[in-house]
Amino acid sequence: MKESRIFIFACLVLIVLFAFTTLGYASSLFDAIEKGDADRVKAFISQGADVNANAGTNSTPLFVALRYNANPEVVRILIESGADANASDKGNLTPLMYAAEREGNPEVIQLLIQAGADLKTKDVHGYTPLMYAAQQNQNPEVIRVLVEAGAAINEVDAEGWSSLMLAAMYTANPDIIKVLVEKGADVNEIDPYGYTPLMYTVLYNANPEVARALLDVGADGSLQSDAGLTAFNYADYNPNILDSDVYWLLEEAQY
């Protein structure tokens, strides 16, 4: 009986030691990832660190790599070690969405796509990876990589907004507009509220050059919203447009 208790106690000690060791490896792995230290990341994985720890959250090793320090080599090591490229958090955001939004290095996007990351997955708001890139990323090559890999360029979110609509509202880089249209985005699409990309740019975008880019690629300034107003009519609400020569281009374009 005494020997049995000793055996059980010894087993419990081993279990606890294993748990603490595993947690230690995981903690060290996250630290190495945040610092972009590829050699340490590889070492901790070889010692048993779980590359899919914290599944179901945005704190898996791959998410952390994309959020804090997207060293392509670290991302490559995680993927080759079995990190789930289609993991999702509670908002249904995936690693590719994080990368598309934040990462200016197209190589990281390529790595995720090659690992099978789903280009068509939507988050709880209906956003795809391409929509995240169009709204937040300032590198047109990221847009190009996503579209050439098969991202649906005219897909819309829960509001009925496409990637071009989101870029028109939020991007500071006119080249994002040019690449989207070059790849097939409808420059004169009308959303459920009766607005075009040009109207949204005039209303919300702080950079007049984005409106200029839309006009350059064929935006029709004569189109009217459901209220019977053209993009030029909305220009009065945007002081950045008012102070730019784009204001007069919009006036000419409405006829």
Protein backbone atom coordinates (compact mmCIF):
# COMPACT_ATOMS: atom_id res chain seq x y z
CA MET A 1 0.00 0.00 0.00
CA LYS A 2 2.82 2.36 0.96
CA GLU A 3 4.70 1.55 -2.25
CA SER A 4 1.54 2.24 -4.27
CA ARG A 5 1.18 5.68 -2.70
CA ILE A 6 4.83 6.46 -3.37
CA PHE A 7 4.38 5.43 -7.00
CA ILE A 8 1.27 7.61 -7.39
CA PHE A 9 3.04 10.55 -5.75
CA ALA A 10 6.03 10.11 -8.05
CA CYS A 11 3.74 10.08 -11.08
CA LEU A 12 2.03 13.28 -9.94
CA VAL A 13 5.39 14.97 -9.46
CA LEU A 14 6.44 13.97 -12.97
CA ILE A 15 3.17 15.30 -14.41
CA VAL A 16 3.60 18.63 -12.63
CA LEU A 17 7.22 18.90 -13.72
CA PHE A 18 6.24 18.11 -17.31
CA ALA A 19 3.49 20.74 -17.22
CA PHE A 20 5.80 23.41 -15.87
CA THR A 21 8.48 22.48 -18.38
CA THR A 22 5.99 22.69 -21.25
CA LEU A 23 4.68 26.03 -20.02
CA GLY A 24 8.24 27.25 -19.72
CA TYR A 25 9.01 26.28 -23.29
CA ALA A 26 5.81 27.96 -24.49
CA SER A 27 6.58 31.17 -22.60
CA SER A 28 10.12 31.19 -23.94
CA LEU A 29 8.83 30.51 -27.45
CA PHE A 30 6.58 33.56 -27.32
CA ASP A 31 9.45 35.70 -26.07
CA ALA A 32 11.67 34.51 -28.93
CA ILE A 33 8.89 35.13 -31.45
CA GLU A 34 8.30 38.69 -30.25
CA LYS A 35 12.01 39.39 -30.65
CA GLY A 36 12.12 37.81 -34.10
CA ASP A 37 14.84 35.39 -32.98
CA ALA A 38 14.55 32.54 -35.49
CA ASP A 39 17.28 30.39 -33.91
CA ARG A 40 15.68 30.48 -30.46
CA VAL A 41 12.24 29.81 -31.95
CA LYS A 42 13.60 26.70 -33.66
CA ALA A 43 15.34 25.59 -30.46
CA PHE A 44 12.25 25.88 -28.27
CA ILE A 45 10.12 24.02 -30.79
CA SER A 46 12.68 21.20 -30.89
CA GLN A 47 12.41 21.04 -27.08
CA GLY A 48 8.65 20.54 -27.23
CA ALA A 49 7.04 23.99 -27.34
CA ASP A 50 3.51 23.81 -28.80
CA VAL A 51 3.25 25.82 -32.05
CA ASN A 52 -0.54 25.84 -31.70
CA ALA A 53 -0.73 26.87 -28.05
CA ASN A 54 -3.71 29.07 -27.09
CA ALA A 55 -5.82 27.73 -29.97
CA GLY A 56 -9.07 29.66 -30.44
CA THR A 57 -7.50 32.98 -29.50
CA ASN A 58 -5.37 35.57 -31.27
CA SER A 59 -2.44 34.57 -29.09
CA THR A 60 -1.17 31.46 -30.86
CA PRO A 61 2.52 31.60 -31.77
CA LEU A 62 1.68 32.42 -35.39
CA PHE A 63 -0.68 35.25 -34.44
CA VAL A 64 1.96 36.64 -32.09
CA ALA A 65 4.60 36.46 -34.83
CA LEU A 66 2.38 38.46 -37.17
CA ARG A 67 1.38 40.97 -34.53
CA TYR A 68 4.75 41.81 -33.01
CA ASN A 69 7.58 40.86 -35.30
CA ALA A 70 6.77 39.28 -38.64
CA ASN A 71 10.24 37.97 -39.39
CA PRO A 72 9.61 35.82 -42.49
CA GLU A 73 12.02 33.19 -41.21
CA VAL A 74 10.13 32.92 -37.90
CA VAL A 75 6.84 32.60 -39.77
CA ARG A 76 8.38 29.94 -42.02
CA ILE A 77 9.67 27.93 -39.03
CA LEU A 78 6.28 28.03 -37.30
CA ILE A 79 4.44 26.91 -40.43
CA GLU A 80 6.92 24.12 -41.18
CA SER A 81 6.55 22.98 -37.56
CA GLY A 82 2.80 22.61 -37.94
CA ALA A 83 1.33 26.01 -37.01
CA ASP A 84 -2.26 26.22 -38.23
CA ALA A 85 -2.44 28.85 -40.99
CA ASN A 86 -6.25 28.82 -40.74
CA ALA A 87 -6.57 29.21 -36.99
CA SER A 88 -9.12 31.83 -35.95
CA ASP A 89 -9.93 33.89 -32.89
CA LYS A 90 -13.35 34.73 -31.44
CA GLY A 91 -13.92 37.34 -34.14
CA ASN A 92 -13.03 34.75 -36.79
CA LEU A 93 -9.87 36.65 -37.67
CA THR A 94 -7.20 34.44 -39.20
CA PRO A 95 -3.41 34.82 -39.42
CA LEU A 96 -3.77 35.89 -43.05
CA MET A 97 -6.14 38.69 -42.04
CA TYR A 98 -3.65 39.91 -39.44
CA ALA A 99 -0.83 39.80 -41.97
CA ALA A 100 -2.88 41.46 -44.70
CA GLU A 101 -3.75 44.31 -42.36
CA ARG A 102 -0.40 44.90 -40.70
CA GLU A 103 2.43 43.35 -42.68
CA GLY A 104 4.20 45.28 -45.39
CA ASN A 105 6.32 42.32 -46.46
CA PRO A 106 4.63 40.36 -49.27
CA GLU A 107 6.88 37.38 -48.49
CA VAL A 108 4.96 36.77 -45.26
CA ILE A 109 1.67 36.83 -47.17
CA GLN A 110 3.11 34.34 -49.66
CA LEU A 111 4.22 32.00 -46.89
CA LEU A 112 0.73 31.91 -45.39
CA ILE A 113 -0.92 31.34 -48.77
CA GLN A 114 1.52 28.53 -49.58
CA ALA A 115 0.63 26.98 -46.22
CA GLY A 116 -3.01 26.84 -47.29
CA ALA A 117 -4.39 30.01 -45.71
CA ASP A 118 -7.96 30.53 -46.92
CA LEU A 119 -8.31 33.68 -49.02
CA LYS A 120 -12.11 33.62 -48.83
CA THR A 121 -12.67 33.31 -45.09
CA LYS A 122 -14.68 36.19 -43.60
CA ASP A 123 -14.63 37.60 -40.09
CA VAL A 124 -17.76 38.47 -38.10
CA HIS A 125 -18.11 41.71 -40.09
CA GLY A 126 -17.80 39.98 -43.45
CA TYR A 127 -14.23 41.18 -44.05
CA THR A 128 -11.89 39.05 -46.15
CA PRO A 129 -8.07 39.21 -46.00
CA LEU A 130 -8.12 41.40 -49.12
CA MET A 131 -10.49 43.86 -47.45
CA TYR A 132 -8.12 44.15 -44.49
CA ALA A 133 -5.26 44.85 -46.86
CA ALA A 134 -7.23 47.39 -48.88
CA GLN A 135 -8.34 49.29 -45.79
CA GLN A 136 -5.15 49.29 -43.73
CA ASN A 137 -2.08 48.11 -45.63
CA GLN A 138 -0.11 50.72 -47.54
CA ASN A 139 1.89 48.30 -49.69
CA PRO A 140 0.24 47.72 -53.10
CA GLU A 141 2.33 44.56 -53.57
CA VAL A 142 0.39 42.92 -50.74
CA ILE A 143 -2.82 43.63 -52.68
CA ARG A 144 -1.25 42.22 -55.83
CA VAL A 145 -0.12 39.01 -54.11
CA LEU A 146 -3.56 38.38 -52.59
CA VAL A 147 -5.45 38.97 -55.83
CA GLU A 148 -3.07 36.93 -57.95
CA ALA A 149 -3.46 34.08 -55.45
CA GLY A 150 -7.22 34.10 -55.98
CA ALA A 151 -8.74 36.65 -53.60
CA ALA A 152 -12.20 37.72 -54.82
CA ILE A 153 -11.73 41.37 -55.66
CA ASN A 154 -15.39 42.41 -55.88
CA GLU A 155 -16.59 40.48 -52.80
CA VAL A 156 -18.51 42.67 -50.33
CA ASP A 157 -18.70 42.78 -46.54
CA ALA A 158 -21.78 42.85 -44.32
CA GLU A 159 -22.36 46.52 -45.22
CA GLY A 160 -22.14 45.83 -48.95
CA TRP A 161 -18.69 47.43 -49.26
CA SER A 162 -16.01 45.96 -51.51
CA SER A 163 -12.24 46.14 -51.10
CA LEU A 164 -12.19 49.16 -53.41
CA MET A 165 -14.87 50.93 -51.36
CA LEU A 166 -12.84 50.38 -48.19
CA ALA A 167 -9.64 51.56 -49.85
CA ALA A 168 -11.45 54.61 -51.18
CA MET A 169 -12.48 55.54 -47.64
CA TYR A 170 -9.33 54.73 -45.72
CA THR A 171 -6.12 54.23 -47.69
CA ALA A 172 -3.51 56.98 -47.78
CA ASN A 173 -1.77 55.44 -50.79
CA PRO A 174 -3.25 56.15 -54.25
CA ASP A 175 -1.36 53.15 -55.63
CA ILE A 176 -3.67 50.85 -53.66
CA ILE A 177 -6.54 52.18 -55.76
CA LYS A 178 -4.61 51.71 -58.98
CA VAL A 179 -3.70 48.09 -58.25
CA LEU A 180 -7.26 47.16 -57.25
CA VAL A 181 -8.69 48.62 -60.45
CA GLU A 182 -5.89 47.11 -62.52
CA LYS A 183 -6.82 43.72 -61.07
CA GLY A 184 -10.51 44.06 -61.89
CA ALA A 185 -12.23 46.12 -59.20
CA ASP A 186 -15.29 47.99 -60.48
CA VAL A 187 -14.37 51.66 -60.18
CA ASN A 188 -17.99 52.76 -60.64
CA GLU A 189 -19.73 50.22 -58.43
CA ILE A 190 -22.66 51.47 -56.38
CA ASP A 191 -23.17 50.18 -52.85
CA PRO A 192 -26.54 49.50 -51.15
CA TYR A 193 -26.61 53.10 -49.92
CA GLY A 194 -26.25 54.54 -53.41
CA TYR A 195 -22.62 55.68 -53.12
CA THR A 196 -19.65 55.09 -55.43
CA PRO A 197 -15.97 54.72 -54.41
CA LEU A 198 -15.34 58.30 -55.58
CA MET A 199 -18.11 59.64 -53.37
CA TYR A 200 -16.71 57.79 -50.35
CA THR A 201 -13.23 59.13 -51.00
CA VAL A 202 -14.52 62.69 -51.25
CA LEU A 203 -16.52 62.27 -48.05
CA TYR A 204 -14.02 60.48 -45.83
CA ASN A 205 -10.48 60.28 -47.18
CA ALA A 206 -7.93 62.83 -45.96
CA ASN A 207 -5.69 62.46 -49.01
CA PRO A 208 -7.00 64.24 -52.14
CA GLU A 209 -4.59 62.18 -54.25
CA VAL A 210 -6.78 59.14 -53.70
CA ALA A 211 -9.66 60.95 -55.40
CA ARG A 212 -7.30 61.95 -58.20
CA ALA A 213 -6.26 58.32 -58.62
CA LEU A 214 -9.89 57.23 -58.90
CA LEU A 215 -10.54 59.84 -61.58
CA ASP A 216 -7.39 58.76 -63.41
CA VAL A 217 -8.53 55.13 -63.57
CA GLY A 218 -12.00 55.97 -64.85
CA ALA A 219 -14.25 56.96 -61.96
CA ASP A 220 -17.38 58.64 -63.34
CA GLY A 221 -17.86 61.96 -61.57
CA SER A 222 -21.30 62.46 -63.09
CA LEU A 223 -22.88 59.56 -61.20
CA GLN A 224 -25.42 60.63 -58.59
CA SER A 225 -26.22 59.16 -55.20
CA ASP A 226 -29.76 58.30 -54.14
CA ALA A 227 -29.95 61.90 -52.91
CA GLY A 228 -29.21 63.17 -56.42
CA LEU A 229 -25.73 64.44 -55.52
CA THR A 230 -22.42 63.94 -57.34
CA ALA A 231 -18.99 63.45 -55.77
CA PHE A 232 -18.34 67.16 -56.34
CA ASN A 233 -21.40 68.04 -54.27
CA TYR A 234 -19.94 66.07 -51.35
CA ALA A 235 -16.56 67.80 -51.65
CA ASP A 236 -17.78 70.68 -49.49
CA TYR A 237 -17.70 68.32 -46.50
CA ASN A 238 -13.98 67.56 -46.86
CA PRO A 239 -11.60 70.47 -46.16
CA ASN A 240 -8.67 68.53 -47.64
CA ILE A 241 -10.50 68.34 -50.96
CA LEU A 242 -11.56 71.98 -50.76
CA ASP A 243 -7.94 73.06 -50.41
CA SER A 244 -6.80 70.97 -53.37
CA ASP A 245 -6.96 71.32 -57.14
CA VAL A 246 -8.82 67.99 -57.05
CA TYR A 247 -11.88 70.05 -56.09
CA TRP A 248 -11.90 71.60 -59.56
CA LEU A 249 -11.27 68.24 -61.22
CA LEU A 250 -14.38 66.95 -59.48
CA GLU A 251 -16.36 69.94 -60.67
CA GLU A 252 -15.33 69.25 -64.28
CA ALA A 253 -16.00 65.53 -63.91
CA GLN A 254 -19.64 65.96 -62.91
CA TYR A 255 -20.68 67.08 -66.42
